[in-house]
Amino acid sequence: MYDNIGKKIKLLTKIVTVIVICGCAIAVILFAAMTDDGLWALLYCGGASIFILVSSFFAYGFGELIEKVCDLESKFSACSNAKADVADDKEKEQKLRSLLERGLISEEEYRDTISK
């Protein structure tokens, strides 16, 4: 449900914006039909449509921000995992070399373990 939440926020923003703007257009038609003053209906609903459109930029931007942060997080976690693996390999090699130097393992055991 919460996977790819940035994309879902952006999609929901688009859908709600289109629905509200269409609703305003319908409201203009209904308001103009019920009253004799179609200009006020047009101004009111036009202003509401512009307000909704501008407000949707913030919600869409928030979804974009979440999406970018998730992308950065995945890139940095992959990078830090690779660095940790390299550090672990070096530490393992140093321990094995120490065991070899003390005569606790043979040269063959050392090479076999390093090659894995």
PDB file of N, CA and C in Angstrom:
ATOM      1  N   MET A   1       0.817  -1.192   0.000  1.00  0.00           N
ATOM      2  CA  MET A   1       0.000   0.000   0.000  1.00  0.00           C
ATOM      3  C   MET A   1       0.867   1.265   0.000  1.00  0.00           C
ATOM      4  N   TYR A   2       1.966   1.230   0.738  1.00  0.00           N
ATOM      5  CA  TYR A   2       2.810   2.403   0.833  1.00  0.00           C
ATOM      6  C   TYR A   2       4.064   2.311  -0.026  1.00  0.00           C
ATOM      7  N   ASP A   3       4.137   1.357  -0.909  1.00  0.00           N
ATOM      8  CA  ASP A   3       5.249   1.278  -1.852  1.00  0.00           C
ATOM      9  C   ASP A   3       5.055   2.361  -2.909  1.00  0.00           C
ATOM     10  N   ASN A   4       6.146   2.991  -3.306  1.00  0.00           N
ATOM     11  CA  ASN A   4       6.113   4.058  -4.317  1.00  0.00           C
ATOM     12  C   ASN A   4       5.121   5.157  -3.943  1.00  0.00           C
ATOM     13  N   ILE A   5       5.157   5.590  -2.689  1.00  0.00           N
ATOM     14  CA  ILE A   5       4.182   6.569  -2.204  1.00  0.00           C
ATOM     15  C   ILE A   5       4.309   7.909  -2.928  1.00  0.00           C
ATOM     16  N   GLY A   6       5.522   8.261  -3.359  1.00  0.00           N
ATOM     17  CA  GLY A   6       5.698   9.516  -4.091  1.00  0.00           C
ATOM     18  C   GLY A   6       4.906   9.528  -5.390  1.00  0.00           C
ATOM     19  N   LYS A   7       4.972   8.427  -6.135  1.00  0.00           N
ATOM     20  CA  LYS A   7       4.216   8.322  -7.386  1.00  0.00           C
ATOM     21  C   LYS A   7       2.713   8.347  -7.115  1.00  0.00           C
ATOM     22  N   LYS A   8       2.290   7.706  -6.030  1.00  0.00           N
ATOM     23  CA  LYS A   8       0.865   7.668  -5.693  1.00  0.00           C
ATOM     24  C   LYS A   8       0.356   9.048  -5.312  1.00  0.00           C
ATOM     25  N   ILE A   9       1.153   9.820  -4.575  1.00  0.00           N
ATOM     26  CA  ILE A   9       0.748  11.188  -4.215  1.00  0.00           C
ATOM     27  C   ILE A   9       0.617  12.034  -5.471  1.00  0.00           C
ATOM     28  N   LYS A  10       1.567  11.907  -6.383  1.00  0.00           N
ATOM     29  CA  LYS A  10       1.515  12.685  -7.618  1.00  0.00           C
ATOM     30  C   LYS A  10       0.289  12.311  -8.456  1.00  0.00           C
ATOM     31  N   LEU A  11       0.008  11.021  -8.559  1.00  0.00           N
ATOM     32  CA  LEU A  11      -1.157  10.574  -9.326  1.00  0.00           C
ATOM     33  C   LEU A  11      -2.455  11.062  -8.686  1.00  0.00           C
ATOM     34  N   LEU A  12      -2.548  10.939  -7.373  1.00  0.00           N
ATOM     35  CA  LEU A  12      -3.749  11.391  -6.668  1.00  0.00           C
ATOM     36  C   LEU A  12      -3.939  12.894  -6.837  1.00  0.00           C
ATOM     37  N   THR A  13      -2.856  13.642  -6.800  1.00  0.00           N
ATOM     38  CA  THR A  13      -2.941  15.092  -6.998  1.00  0.00           C
ATOM     39  C   THR A  13      -3.503  15.422  -8.374  1.00  0.00           C
ATOM     40  N   LYS A  14      -3.016  14.728  -9.390  1.00  0.00           N
ATOM     41  CA  LYS A  14      -3.525  14.969 -10.748  1.00  0.00           C
ATOM     42  C   LYS A  14      -5.017  14.653 -10.840  1.00  0.00           C
ATOM     43  N   ILE A  15      -5.405  13.513 -10.287  1.00  0.00           N
ATOM     44  CA  ILE A  15      -6.806  13.086 -10.376  1.00  0.00           C
ATOM     45  C   ILE A  15      -7.721  14.059  -9.647  1.00  0.00           C
ATOM     46  N   VAL A  16      -7.355  14.414  -8.410  1.00  0.00           N
ATOM     47  CA  VAL A  16      -8.199  15.325  -7.628  1.00  0.00           C
ATOM     48  C   VAL A  16      -8.289  16.686  -8.302  1.00  0.00           C
ATOM     49  N   THR A  17      -7.180  17.175  -8.850  1.00  0.00           N
ATOM     50  CA  THR A  17      -7.181  18.476  -9.515  1.00  0.00           C
ATOM     51  C   THR A  17      -8.122  18.477 -10.721  1.00  0.00           C
ATOM     52  N   VAL A  18      -8.050  17.452 -11.527  1.00  0.00           N
ATOM     53  CA  VAL A  18      -8.928  17.370 -12.700  1.00  0.00           C
ATOM     54  C   VAL A  18     -10.387  17.266 -12.275  1.00  0.00           C
ATOM     55  N   ILE A  19     -10.672  16.468 -11.260  1.00  0.00           N
ATOM     56  CA  ILE A  19     -12.061  16.311 -10.791  1.00  0.00           C
ATOM     57  C   ILE A  19     -12.603  17.637 -10.262  1.00  0.00           C
ATOM     58  N   VAL A  20     -11.813  18.343  -9.467  1.00  0.00           N
ATOM     59  CA  VAL A  20     -12.284  19.604  -8.884  1.00  0.00           C
ATOM     60  C   VAL A  20     -12.474  20.661  -9.971  1.00  0.00           C
ATOM     61  N   ILE A  21     -11.555  20.741 -10.918  1.00  0.00           N
ATOM     62  CA  ILE A  21     -11.710  21.732 -11.989  1.00  0.00           C
ATOM     63  C   ILE A  21     -12.935  21.414 -12.850  1.00  0.00           C
ATOM     64  N   CYS A  22     -13.172  20.135 -13.133  1.00  0.00           N
ATOM     65  CA  CYS A  22     -14.384  19.755 -13.876  1.00  0.00           C
ATOM     66  C   CYS A  22     -15.630  20.079 -13.050  1.00  0.00           C
ATOM     67  N   GLY A  23     -15.542  19.847 -11.741  1.00  0.00           N
ATOM     68  CA  GLY A  23     -16.663  20.183 -10.854  1.00  0.00           C
ATOM     69  C   GLY A  23     -16.947  21.673 -10.865  1.00  0.00           C
ATOM     70  N   CYS A  24     -15.902  22.478 -10.918  1.00  0.00           N
ATOM     71  CA  CYS A  24     -16.095  23.932 -10.996  1.00  0.00           C
ATOM     72  C   CYS A  24     -16.754  24.334 -12.310  1.00  0.00           C
ATOM     73  N   ALA A  25     -16.364  23.679 -13.394  1.00  0.00           N
ATOM     74  CA  ALA A  25     -16.990  23.983 -14.694  1.00  0.00           C
ATOM     75  C   ALA A  25     -18.477  23.640 -14.659  1.00  0.00           C
ATOM     76  N   ILE A  26     -18.810  22.509 -14.067  1.00  0.00           N
ATOM     77  CA  ILE A  26     -20.222  22.121 -13.937  1.00  0.00           C
ATOM     78  C   ILE A  26     -20.953  23.104 -13.032  1.00  0.00           C
ATOM     79  N   ALA A  27     -20.291  23.548 -11.961  1.00  0.00           N
ATOM     80  CA  ALA A  27     -20.912  24.508 -11.041  1.00  0.00           C
ATOM     81  C   ALA A  27     -21.190  25.837 -11.739  1.00  0.00           C
ATOM     82  N   VAL A  28     -20.294  26.257 -12.627  1.00  0.00           N
ATOM     83  CA  VAL A  28     -20.525  27.495 -13.391  1.00  0.00           C
ATOM     84  C   VAL A  28     -21.787  27.363 -14.228  1.00  0.00           C
ATOM     85  N   ILE A  29     -21.923  26.233 -14.889  1.00  0.00           N
ATOM     86  CA  ILE A  29     -23.097  26.024 -15.746  1.00  0.00           C
ATOM     87  C   ILE A  29     -24.371  26.008 -14.911  1.00  0.00           C
ATOM     88  N   LEU A  30     -24.353  25.288 -13.796  1.00  0.00           N
ATOM     89  CA  LEU A  30     -25.534  25.218 -12.933  1.00  0.00           C
ATOM     90  C   LEU A  30     -25.853  26.568 -12.300  1.00  0.00           C
ATOM     91  N   PHE A  31     -24.835  27.266 -11.807  1.00  0.00           N
ATOM     92  CA  PHE A  31     -25.040  28.553 -11.163  1.00  0.00           C
ATOM     93  C   PHE A  31     -25.562  29.578 -12.158  1.00  0.00           C
ATOM     94  N   ALA A  32     -25.020  29.541 -13.370  1.00  0.00           N
ATOM     95  CA  ALA A  32     -25.465  30.471 -14.413  1.00  0.00           C
ATOM     96  C   ALA A  32     -26.902  30.163 -14.826  1.00  0.00           C
ATOM     97  N   ALA A  33     -27.274  28.888 -14.821  1.00  0.00           N
ATOM     98  CA  ALA A  33     -28.643  28.517 -15.194  1.00  0.00           C
ATOM     99  C   ALA A  33     -29.642  28.911 -14.111  1.00  0.00           C
ATOM    100  N   MET A  34     -29.217  28.878 -12.838  1.00  0.00           N
ATOM    101  CA  MET A  34     -30.142  29.194 -11.742  1.00  0.00           C
ATOM    102  C   MET A  34     -30.267  30.690 -11.497  1.00  0.00           C
ATOM    103  N   THR A  35     -29.264  31.441 -11.869  1.00  0.00           N
ATOM    104  CA  THR A  35     -29.318  32.889 -11.651  1.00  0.00           C
ATOM    105  C   THR A  35     -29.173  33.599 -12.981  1.00  0.00           C
ATOM    106  N   ASP A  36     -29.414  34.878 -12.932  1.00  0.00           N
ATOM    107  CA  ASP A  36     -29.267  35.677 -14.146  1.00  0.00           C
ATOM    108  C   ASP A  36     -27.856  36.224 -14.297  1.00  0.00           C
ATOM    109  N   ASP A  37     -27.044  36.037 -13.266  1.00  0.00           N
ATOM    110  CA  ASP A  37     -25.712  36.634 -13.281  1.00  0.00           C
ATOM    111  C   ASP A  37     -24.649  35.564 -13.538  1.00  0.00           C
ATOM    112  N   GLY A  38     -24.385  35.273 -14.782  1.00  0.00           N
ATOM    113  CA  GLY A  38     -23.403  34.266 -15.156  1.00  0.00           C
ATOM    114  C   GLY A  38     -21.971  34.747 -14.980  1.00  0.00           C
ATOM    115  N   LEU A  39     -21.770  36.083 -14.981  1.00  0.00           N
ATOM    116  CA  LEU A  39     -20.428  36.628 -14.828  1.00  0.00           C
ATOM    117  C   LEU A  39     -19.863  36.301 -13.442  1.00  0.00           C
ATOM    118  N   TRP A  40     -20.675  36.461 -12.397  1.00  0.00           N
ATOM    119  CA  TRP A  40     -20.201  36.153 -11.036  1.00  0.00           C
ATOM    120  C   TRP A  40     -19.908  34.657 -10.887  1.00  0.00           C
ATOM    121  N   ALA A  41     -20.714  33.855 -11.485  1.00  0.00           N
ATOM    122  CA  ALA A  41     -20.486  32.403 -11.430  1.00  0.00           C
ATOM    123  C   ALA A  41     -19.161  32.061 -12.112  1.00  0.00           C
ATOM    124  N   LEU A  42     -18.926  32.672 -13.245  1.00  0.00           N
ATOM    125  CA  LEU A  42     -17.689  32.429 -13.975  1.00  0.00           C
ATOM    126  C   LEU A  42     -16.468  32.913 -13.192  1.00  0.00           C
ATOM    127  N   LEU A  43     -16.563  34.100 -12.607  1.00  0.00           N
ATOM    128  CA  LEU A  43     -15.451  34.639 -11.814  1.00  0.00           C
ATOM    129  C   LEU A  43     -15.183  33.788 -10.572  1.00  0.00           C
ATOM    130  N   TYR A  44     -16.238  33.406  -9.881  1.00  0.00           N
ATOM    131  CA  TYR A  44     -16.086  32.619  -8.658  1.00  0.00           C
ATOM    132  C   TYR A  44     -15.456  31.258  -8.958  1.00  0.00           C
ATOM    133  N   CYS A  45     -16.018  30.543  -9.904  1.00  0.00           N
ATOM    134  CA  CYS A  45     -15.502  29.200 -10.217  1.00  0.00           C
ATOM    135  C   CYS A  45     -14.158  29.258 -10.934  1.00  0.00           C
ATOM    136  N   GLY A  46     -13.932  30.289 -11.726  1.00  0.00           N
ATOM    137  CA  GLY A  46     -12.617  30.455 -12.351  1.00  0.00           C
ATOM    138  C   GLY A  46     -11.549  30.702 -11.300  1.00  0.00           C
ATOM    139  N   GLY A  47     -11.860  31.525 -10.322  1.00  0.00           N
ATOM    140  CA  GLY A  47     -10.920  31.774  -9.229  1.00  0.00           C
ATOM    141  C   GLY A  47     -10.666  30.516  -8.412  1.00  0.00           C
ATOM    142  N   ALA A  48     -11.725  29.760  -8.156  1.00  0.00           N
ATOM    143  CA  ALA A  48     -11.566  28.513  -7.397  1.00  0.00           C
ATOM    144  C   ALA A  48     -10.715  27.512  -8.189  1.00  0.00           C
ATOM    145  N   SER A  49     -10.916  27.446  -9.494  1.00  0.00           N
ATOM    146  CA  SER A  49     -10.132  26.532 -10.326  1.00  0.00           C
ATOM    147  C   SER A  49      -8.651  26.908 -10.315  1.00  0.00           C
ATOM    148  N   ILE A  50      -8.369  28.192 -10.408  1.00  0.00           N
ATOM    149  CA  ILE A  50      -6.973  28.643 -10.377  1.00  0.00           C
ATOM    150  C   ILE A  50      -6.361  28.357  -9.015  1.00  0.00           C
ATOM    151  N   PHE A  51      -7.127  28.583  -7.935  1.00  0.00           N
ATOM    152  CA  PHE A  51      -6.628  28.301  -6.593  1.00  0.00           C
ATOM    153  C   PHE A  51      -6.316  26.817  -6.416  1.00  0.00           C
ATOM    154  N   ILE A  52      -7.195  25.960  -6.899  1.00  0.00           N
ATOM    155  CA  ILE A  52      -6.979  24.517  -6.801  1.00  0.00           C
ATOM    156  C   ILE A  52      -5.767  24.106  -7.632  1.00  0.00           C
ATOM    157  N   LEU A  53      -5.629  24.662  -8.810  1.00  0.00           N
ATOM    158  CA  LEU A  53      -4.498  24.336  -9.677  1.00  0.00           C
ATOM    159  C   LEU A  53      -3.173  24.731  -9.025  1.00  0.00           C
ATOM    160  N   VAL A  54      -3.101  25.931  -8.473  1.00  0.00           N
ATOM    161  CA  VAL A  54      -1.873  26.389  -7.812  1.00  0.00           C
ATOM    162  C   VAL A  54      -1.606  25.555  -6.557  1.00  0.00           C
ATOM    163  N   SER A  55      -2.642  25.235  -5.805  1.00  0.00           N
ATOM    164  CA  SER A  55      -2.472  24.416  -4.606  1.00  0.00           C
ATOM    165  C   SER A  55      -1.986  23.014  -4.955  1.00  0.00           C
ATOM    166  N   SER A  56      -2.396  22.513  -6.086  1.00  0.00           N
ATOM    167  CA  SER A  56      -1.977  21.170  -6.480  1.00  0.00           C
ATOM    168  C   SER A  56      -0.487  21.097  -6.766  1.00  0.00           C
ATOM    169  N   PHE A  57       0.117  22.237  -7.124  1.00  0.00           N
ATOM    170  CA  PHE A  57       1.564  22.253  -7.348  1.00  0.00           C
ATOM    171  C   PHE A  57       2.312  21.834  -6.084  1.00  0.00           C
ATOM    172  N   PHE A  58       1.825  22.265  -4.934  1.00  0.00           N
ATOM    173  CA  PHE A  58       2.494  21.929  -3.676  1.00  0.00           C
ATOM    174  C   PHE A  58       2.360  20.443  -3.352  1.00  0.00           C
ATOM    175  N   ALA A  59       1.182  19.895  -3.561  1.00  0.00           N
ATOM    176  CA  ALA A  59       0.994  18.465  -3.299  1.00  0.00           C
ATOM    177  C   ALA A  59       1.807  17.624  -4.278  1.00  0.00           C
ATOM    178  N   TYR A  60       1.823  18.021  -5.538  1.00  0.00           N
ATOM    179  CA  TYR A  60       2.605  17.303  -6.545  1.00  0.00           C
ATOM    180  C   TYR A  60       4.098  17.417  -6.226  1.00  0.00           C
ATOM    181  N   GLY A  61       4.525  18.607  -5.825  1.00  0.00           N
ATOM    182  CA  GLY A  61       5.924  18.821  -5.449  1.00  0.00           C
ATOM    183  C   GLY A  61       6.317  17.973  -4.248  1.00  0.00           C
ATOM    184  N   PHE A  62       5.405  17.808  -3.309  1.00  0.00           N
ATOM    185  CA  PHE A  62       5.668  16.961  -2.145  1.00  0.00           C
ATOM    186  C   PHE A  62       5.870  15.507  -2.587  1.00  0.00           C
ATOM    187  N   GLY A  63       5.031  15.041  -3.493  1.00  0.00           N
ATOM    188  CA  GLY A  63       5.189  13.686  -4.028  1.00  0.00           C
ATOM    189  C   GLY A  63       6.501  13.523  -4.765  1.00  0.00           C
ATOM    190  N   GLU A  64       6.887  14.541  -5.519  1.00  0.00           N
ATOM    191  CA  GLU A  64       8.164  14.529  -6.237  1.00  0.00           C
ATOM    192  C   GLU A  64       9.333  14.492  -5.255  1.00  0.00           C
ATOM    193  N   LEU A  65       9.220  15.264  -4.186  1.00  0.00           N
ATOM    194  CA  LEU A  65      10.264  15.298  -3.161  1.00  0.00           C
ATOM    195  C   LEU A  65      10.433  13.935  -2.499  1.00  0.00           C
ATOM    196  N   ILE A  66       9.339  13.295  -2.153  1.00  0.00           N
ATOM    197  CA  ILE A  66       9.404  11.964  -1.548  1.00  0.00           C
ATOM    198  C   ILE A  66      10.046  10.975  -2.506  1.00  0.00           C
ATOM    199  N   GLU A  67       9.677  11.046  -3.759  1.00  0.00           N
ATOM    200  CA  GLU A  67      10.229  10.138  -4.766  1.00  0.00           C
ATOM    201  C   GLU A  67      11.750  10.324  -4.904  1.00  0.00           C
ATOM    202  N   LYS A  68      12.206  11.564  -4.933  1.00  0.00           N
ATOM    203  CA  LYS A  68      13.640  11.843  -5.058  1.00  0.00           C
ATOM    204  C   LYS A  68      14.404  11.386  -3.819  1.00  0.00           C
ATOM    205  N   VAL A  69      13.843  11.590  -2.635  1.00  0.00           N
ATOM    206  CA  VAL A  69      14.499  11.159  -1.397  1.00  0.00           C
ATOM    207  C   VAL A  69      14.623   9.636  -1.370  1.00  0.00           C
ATOM    208  N   CYS A  70      13.585   8.942  -1.810  1.00  0.00           N
ATOM    209  CA  CYS A  70      13.647   7.475  -1.850  1.00  0.00           C
ATOM    210  C   CYS A  70      14.716   7.001  -2.837  1.00  0.00           C
ATOM    211  N   ASP A  71      14.835   7.682  -3.979  1.00  0.00           N
ATOM    212  CA  ASP A  71      15.877   7.330  -4.953  1.00  0.00           C
ATOM    213  C   ASP A  71      17.270   7.531  -4.361  1.00  0.00           C
ATOM    214  N   LEU A  72      17.456   8.669  -3.696  1.00  0.00           N
ATOM    215  CA  LEU A  72      18.756   8.942  -3.066  1.00  0.00           C
ATOM    216  C   LEU A  72      19.075   7.918  -1.979  1.00  0.00           C
ATOM    217  N   GLU A  73      18.073   7.576  -1.197  1.00  0.00           N
ATOM    218  CA  GLU A  73      18.281   6.604  -0.122  1.00  0.00           C
ATOM    219  C   GLU A  73      18.721   5.253  -0.681  1.00  0.00           C
ATOM    220  N   SER A  74      18.077   4.817  -1.743  1.00  0.00           N
ATOM    221  CA  SER A  74      18.449   3.527  -2.319  1.00  0.00           C
ATOM    222  C   SER A  74      19.855   3.569  -2.916  1.00  0.00           C
ATOM    223  N   LYS A  75      20.240   4.686  -3.520  1.00  0.00           N
ATOM    224  CA  LYS A  75      21.589   4.805  -4.091  1.00  0.00           C
ATOM    225  C   LYS A  75      22.652   4.822  -3.001  1.00  0.00           C
ATOM    226  N   PHE A  76      22.398   5.570  -1.921  1.00  0.00           N
ATOM    227  CA  PHE A  76      23.379   5.653  -0.841  1.00  0.00           C
ATOM    228  C   PHE A  76      23.481   4.359  -0.062  1.00  0.00           C
ATOM    229  N   SER A  77      22.374   3.661   0.132  1.00  0.00           N
ATOM    230  CA  SER A  77      22.437   2.402   0.886  1.00  0.00           C
ATOM    231  C   SER A  77      23.198   1.350   0.083  1.00  0.00           C
ATOM    232  N   ALA A  78      23.037   1.342  -1.231  1.00  0.00           N
ATOM    233  CA  ALA A  78      23.794   0.398  -2.063  1.00  0.00           C
ATOM    234  C   ALA A  78      25.282   0.718  -2.014  1.00  0.00           C
ATOM    235  N   CYS A  79      25.613   2.004  -2.010  1.00  0.00           N
ATOM    236  CA  CYS A  79      27.013   2.423  -1.959  1.00  0.00           C
ATOM    237  C   CYS A  79      27.638   2.066  -0.612  1.00  0.00           C
ATOM    238  N   SER A  80      26.936   2.307   0.475  1.00  0.00           N
ATOM    239  CA  SER A  80      27.500   2.014   1.791  1.00  0.00           C
ATOM    240  C   SER A  80      27.613   0.512   2.020  1.00  0.00           C
ATOM    241  N   ASN A  81      26.688  -0.262   1.455  1.00  0.00           N
ATOM    242  CA  ASN A  81      26.784  -1.723   1.567  1.00  0.00           C
ATOM    243  C   ASN A  81      28.012  -2.242   0.835  1.00  0.00           C
ATOM    244  N   ALA A  82      28.318  -1.675  -0.321  1.00  0.00           N
ATOM    245  CA  ALA A  82      29.493  -2.098  -1.089  1.00  0.00           C
ATOM    246  C   ALA A  82      30.774  -1.758  -0.329  1.00  0.00           C
ATOM    247  N   LYS A  83      30.818  -0.584   0.299  1.00  0.00           N
ATOM    248  CA  LYS A  83      31.993  -0.194   1.073  1.00  0.00           C
ATOM    249  C   LYS A  83      32.174  -1.112   2.276  1.00  0.00           C
ATOM    250  N   ALA A  84      31.069  -1.474   2.914  1.00  0.00           N
ATOM    251  CA  ALA A  84      31.146  -2.362   4.073  1.00  0.00           C
ATOM    252  C   ALA A  84      31.659  -3.733   3.657  1.00  0.00           C
ATOM    253  N   ASP A  85      31.234  -4.224   2.492  1.00  0.00           N
ATOM    254  CA  ASP A  85      31.698  -5.526   2.011  1.00  0.00           C
ATOM    255  C   ASP A  85      33.202  -5.508   1.756  1.00  0.00           C
ATOM    256  N   VAL A  86      33.700  -4.414   1.160  1.00  0.00           N
ATOM    257  CA  VAL A  86      35.131  -4.306   0.889  1.00  0.00           C
ATOM    258  C   VAL A  86      35.913  -4.260   2.194  1.00  0.00           C
ATOM    259  N   ALA A  87      35.418  -3.510   3.176  1.00  0.00           N
ATOM    260  CA  ALA A  87      36.099  -3.425   4.471  1.00  0.00           C
ATOM    261  C   ALA A  87      36.098  -4.779   5.165  1.00  0.00           C
ATOM    262  N   ASP A  88      34.995  -5.516   5.093  1.00  0.00           N
ATOM    263  CA  ASP A  88      34.914  -6.845   5.695  1.00  0.00           C
ATOM    264  C   ASP A  88      35.909  -7.805   5.047  1.00  0.00           C
ATOM    265  N   ASP A  89      36.044  -7.714   3.714  1.00  0.00           N
ATOM    266  CA  ASP A  89      36.982  -8.586   2.999  1.00  0.00           C
ATOM    267  C   ASP A  89      38.424  -8.303   3.419  1.00  0.00           C
ATOM    268  N   LYS A  90      38.758  -7.028   3.561  1.00  0.00           N
ATOM    269  CA  LYS A  90      40.120  -6.679   3.966  1.00  0.00           C
ATOM    270  C   LYS A  90      40.405  -7.158   5.387  1.00  0.00           C
ATOM    271  N   GLU A  91      39.441  -6.997   6.261  1.00  0.00           N
ATOM    272  CA  GLU A  91      39.604  -7.444   7.648  1.00  0.00           C
ATOM    273  C   GLU A  91      39.766  -8.962   7.713  1.00  0.00           C
ATOM    274  N   LYS A  92      38.960  -9.664   6.914  1.00  0.00           N
ATOM    275  CA  LYS A  92      39.040 -11.129   6.871  1.00  0.00           C
ATOM    276  C   LYS A  92      40.419 -11.572   6.373  1.00  0.00           C
ATOM    277  N   GLU A  93      40.907 -10.897   5.336  1.00  0.00           N
ATOM    278  CA  GLU A  93      42.211 -11.247   4.779  1.00  0.00           C
ATOM    279  C   GLU A  93      43.327 -11.009   5.798  1.00  0.00           C
ATOM    280  N   GLN A  94      43.234  -9.911   6.545  1.00  0.00           N
ATOM    281  CA  GLN A  94      44.246  -9.631   7.560  1.00  0.00           C
ATOM    282  C   GLN A  94      44.243 -10.688   8.663  1.00  0.00           C
ATOM    283  N   LYS A  95      43.065 -11.115   9.089  1.00  0.00           N
ATOM    284  CA  LYS A  95      42.974 -12.147  10.124  1.00  0.00           C
ATOM    285  C   LYS A  95      43.545 -13.472   9.632  1.00  0.00           C
ATOM    286  N   LEU A  96      43.219 -13.815   8.386  1.00  0.00           N
ATOM    287  CA  LEU A  96      43.743 -15.057   7.827  1.00  0.00           C
ATOM    288  C   LEU A  96      45.263 -15.002   7.687  1.00  0.00           C
ATOM    289  N   ARG A  97      45.790 -13.846   7.260  1.00  0.00           N
ATOM    290  CA  ARG A  97      47.238 -13.694   7.131  1.00  0.00           C
ATOM    291  C   ARG A  97      47.905 -13.851   8.503  1.00  0.00           C
ATOM    292  N   SER A  98      47.269 -13.313   9.528  1.00  0.00           N
ATOM    293  CA  SER A  98      47.801 -13.433  10.889  1.00  0.00           C
ATOM    294  C   SER A  98      47.834 -14.896  11.330  1.00  0.00           C
ATOM    295  N   LEU A  99      46.747 -15.620  11.023  1.00  0.00           N
ATOM    296  CA  LEU A  99      46.705 -17.045  11.368  1.00  0.00           C
ATOM    297  C   LEU A  99      47.779 -17.822  10.607  1.00  0.00           C
ATOM    298  N   LEU A 100      48.001 -17.472   9.350  1.00  0.00           N
ATOM    299  CA  LEU A 100      49.021 -18.132   8.533  1.00  0.00           C
ATOM    300  C   LEU A 100      50.423 -17.863   9.093  1.00  0.00           C
ATOM    301  N   GLU A 101      50.659 -16.612   9.464  1.00  0.00           N
ATOM    302  CA  GLU A 101      51.978 -16.253   9.999  1.00  0.00           C
ATOM    303  C   GLU A 101      52.267 -16.954  11.323  1.00  0.00           C
ATOM    304  N   ARG A 102      51.230 -17.178  12.115  1.00  0.00           N
ATOM    305  CA  ARG A 102      51.417 -17.881  13.394  1.00  0.00           C
ATOM    306  C   ARG A 102      51.474 -19.397  13.225  1.00  0.00           C
ATOM    307  N   GLY A 103      51.210 -19.856  11.999  1.00  0.00           N
ATOM    308  CA  GLY A 103      51.285 -21.281  11.725  1.00  0.00           C
ATOM    309  C   GLY A 103      50.028 -22.038  12.128  1.00  0.00           C
ATOM    310  N   LEU A 104      48.936 -21.334  12.364  1.00  0.00           N
ATOM    311  CA  LEU A 104      47.691 -21.980  12.773  1.00  0.00           C
ATOM    312  C   LEU A 104      46.908 -22.544  11.587  1.00  0.00           C
ATOM    313  N   ILE A 105      47.157 -22.015  10.393  1.00  0.00           N
ATOM    314  CA  ILE A 105      46.559 -22.589   9.183  1.00  0.00           C
ATOM    315  C   ILE A 105      47.669 -22.777   8.158  1.00  0.00           C
ATOM    316  N   SER A 106      47.415 -23.670   7.210  1.00  0.00           N
ATOM    317  CA  SER A 106      48.417 -23.930   6.176  1.00  0.00           C
ATOM    318  C   SER A 106      48.257 -22.929   5.033  1.00  0.00           C
ATOM    319  N   GLU A 107      49.264 -22.891   4.172  1.00  0.00           N
ATOM    320  CA  GLU A 107      49.221 -22.018   2.994  1.00  0.00           C
ATOM    321  C   GLU A 107      48.032 -22.380   2.106  1.00  0.00           C
ATOM    322  N   GLU A 108      47.765 -23.664   1.975  1.00  0.00           N
ATOM    323  CA  GLU A 108      46.649 -24.139   1.149  1.00  0.00           C
ATOM    324  C   GLU A 108      45.314 -23.677   1.725  1.00  0.00           C
ATOM    325  N   GLU A 109      45.131 -23.783   3.039  1.00  0.00           N
ATOM    326  CA  GLU A 109      43.894 -23.331   3.678  1.00  0.00           C
ATOM    327  C   GLU A 109      43.717 -21.821   3.495  1.00  0.00           C
ATOM    328  N   TYR A 110      44.830 -21.131   3.599  1.00  0.00           N
ATOM    329  CA  TYR A 110      44.795 -19.668   3.412  1.00  0.00           C
ATOM    330  C   TYR A 110      44.303 -19.317   2.008  1.00  0.00           C
ATOM    331  N   ARG A 111      44.901 -19.934   0.970  1.00  0.00           N
ATOM    332  CA  ARG A 111      44.516 -19.646  -0.415  1.00  0.00           C
ATOM    333  C   ARG A 111      43.066 -20.052  -0.699  1.00  0.00           C
ATOM    334  N   ASP A 112      42.659 -21.210  -0.163  1.00  0.00           N
ATOM    335  CA  ASP A 112      41.284 -21.676  -0.382  1.00  0.00           C
ATOM    336  C   ASP A 112      40.270 -20.699   0.223  1.00  0.00           C
ATOM    337  N   THR A 113      40.574 -20.235   1.422  1.00  0.00           N
ATOM    338  CA  THR A 113      39.645 -19.319   2.100  1.00  0.00           C
ATOM    339  C   THR A 113      39.613 -17.967   1.414  1.00  0.00           C
ATOM    340  N   ILE A 114      40.746 -17.477   0.980  1.00  0.00           N
ATOM    341  CA  ILE A 114      40.806 -16.175   0.295  1.00  0.00           C
ATOM    342  C   ILE A 114      40.067 -16.232  -1.045  1.00  0.00           C
ATOM    343  N   SER A 115      40.177 -17.334  -1.740  1.00  0.00           N
ATOM    344  CA  SER A 115      39.539 -17.450  -3.061  1.00  0.00           C
ATOM    345  C   SER A 115      38.020 -17.506  -2.969  1.00  0.00           C
ATOM    346  N   LYS A 116      37.491 -17.846  -1.832  1.00  0.00           N
ATOM    347  CA  LYS A 116      36.028 -17.888  -1.658  1.00  0.00           C
ATOM    348  C   LYS A 116      35.559 -16.520  -1.471  1.00  0.00           C
TER     349      LYS A 116
END
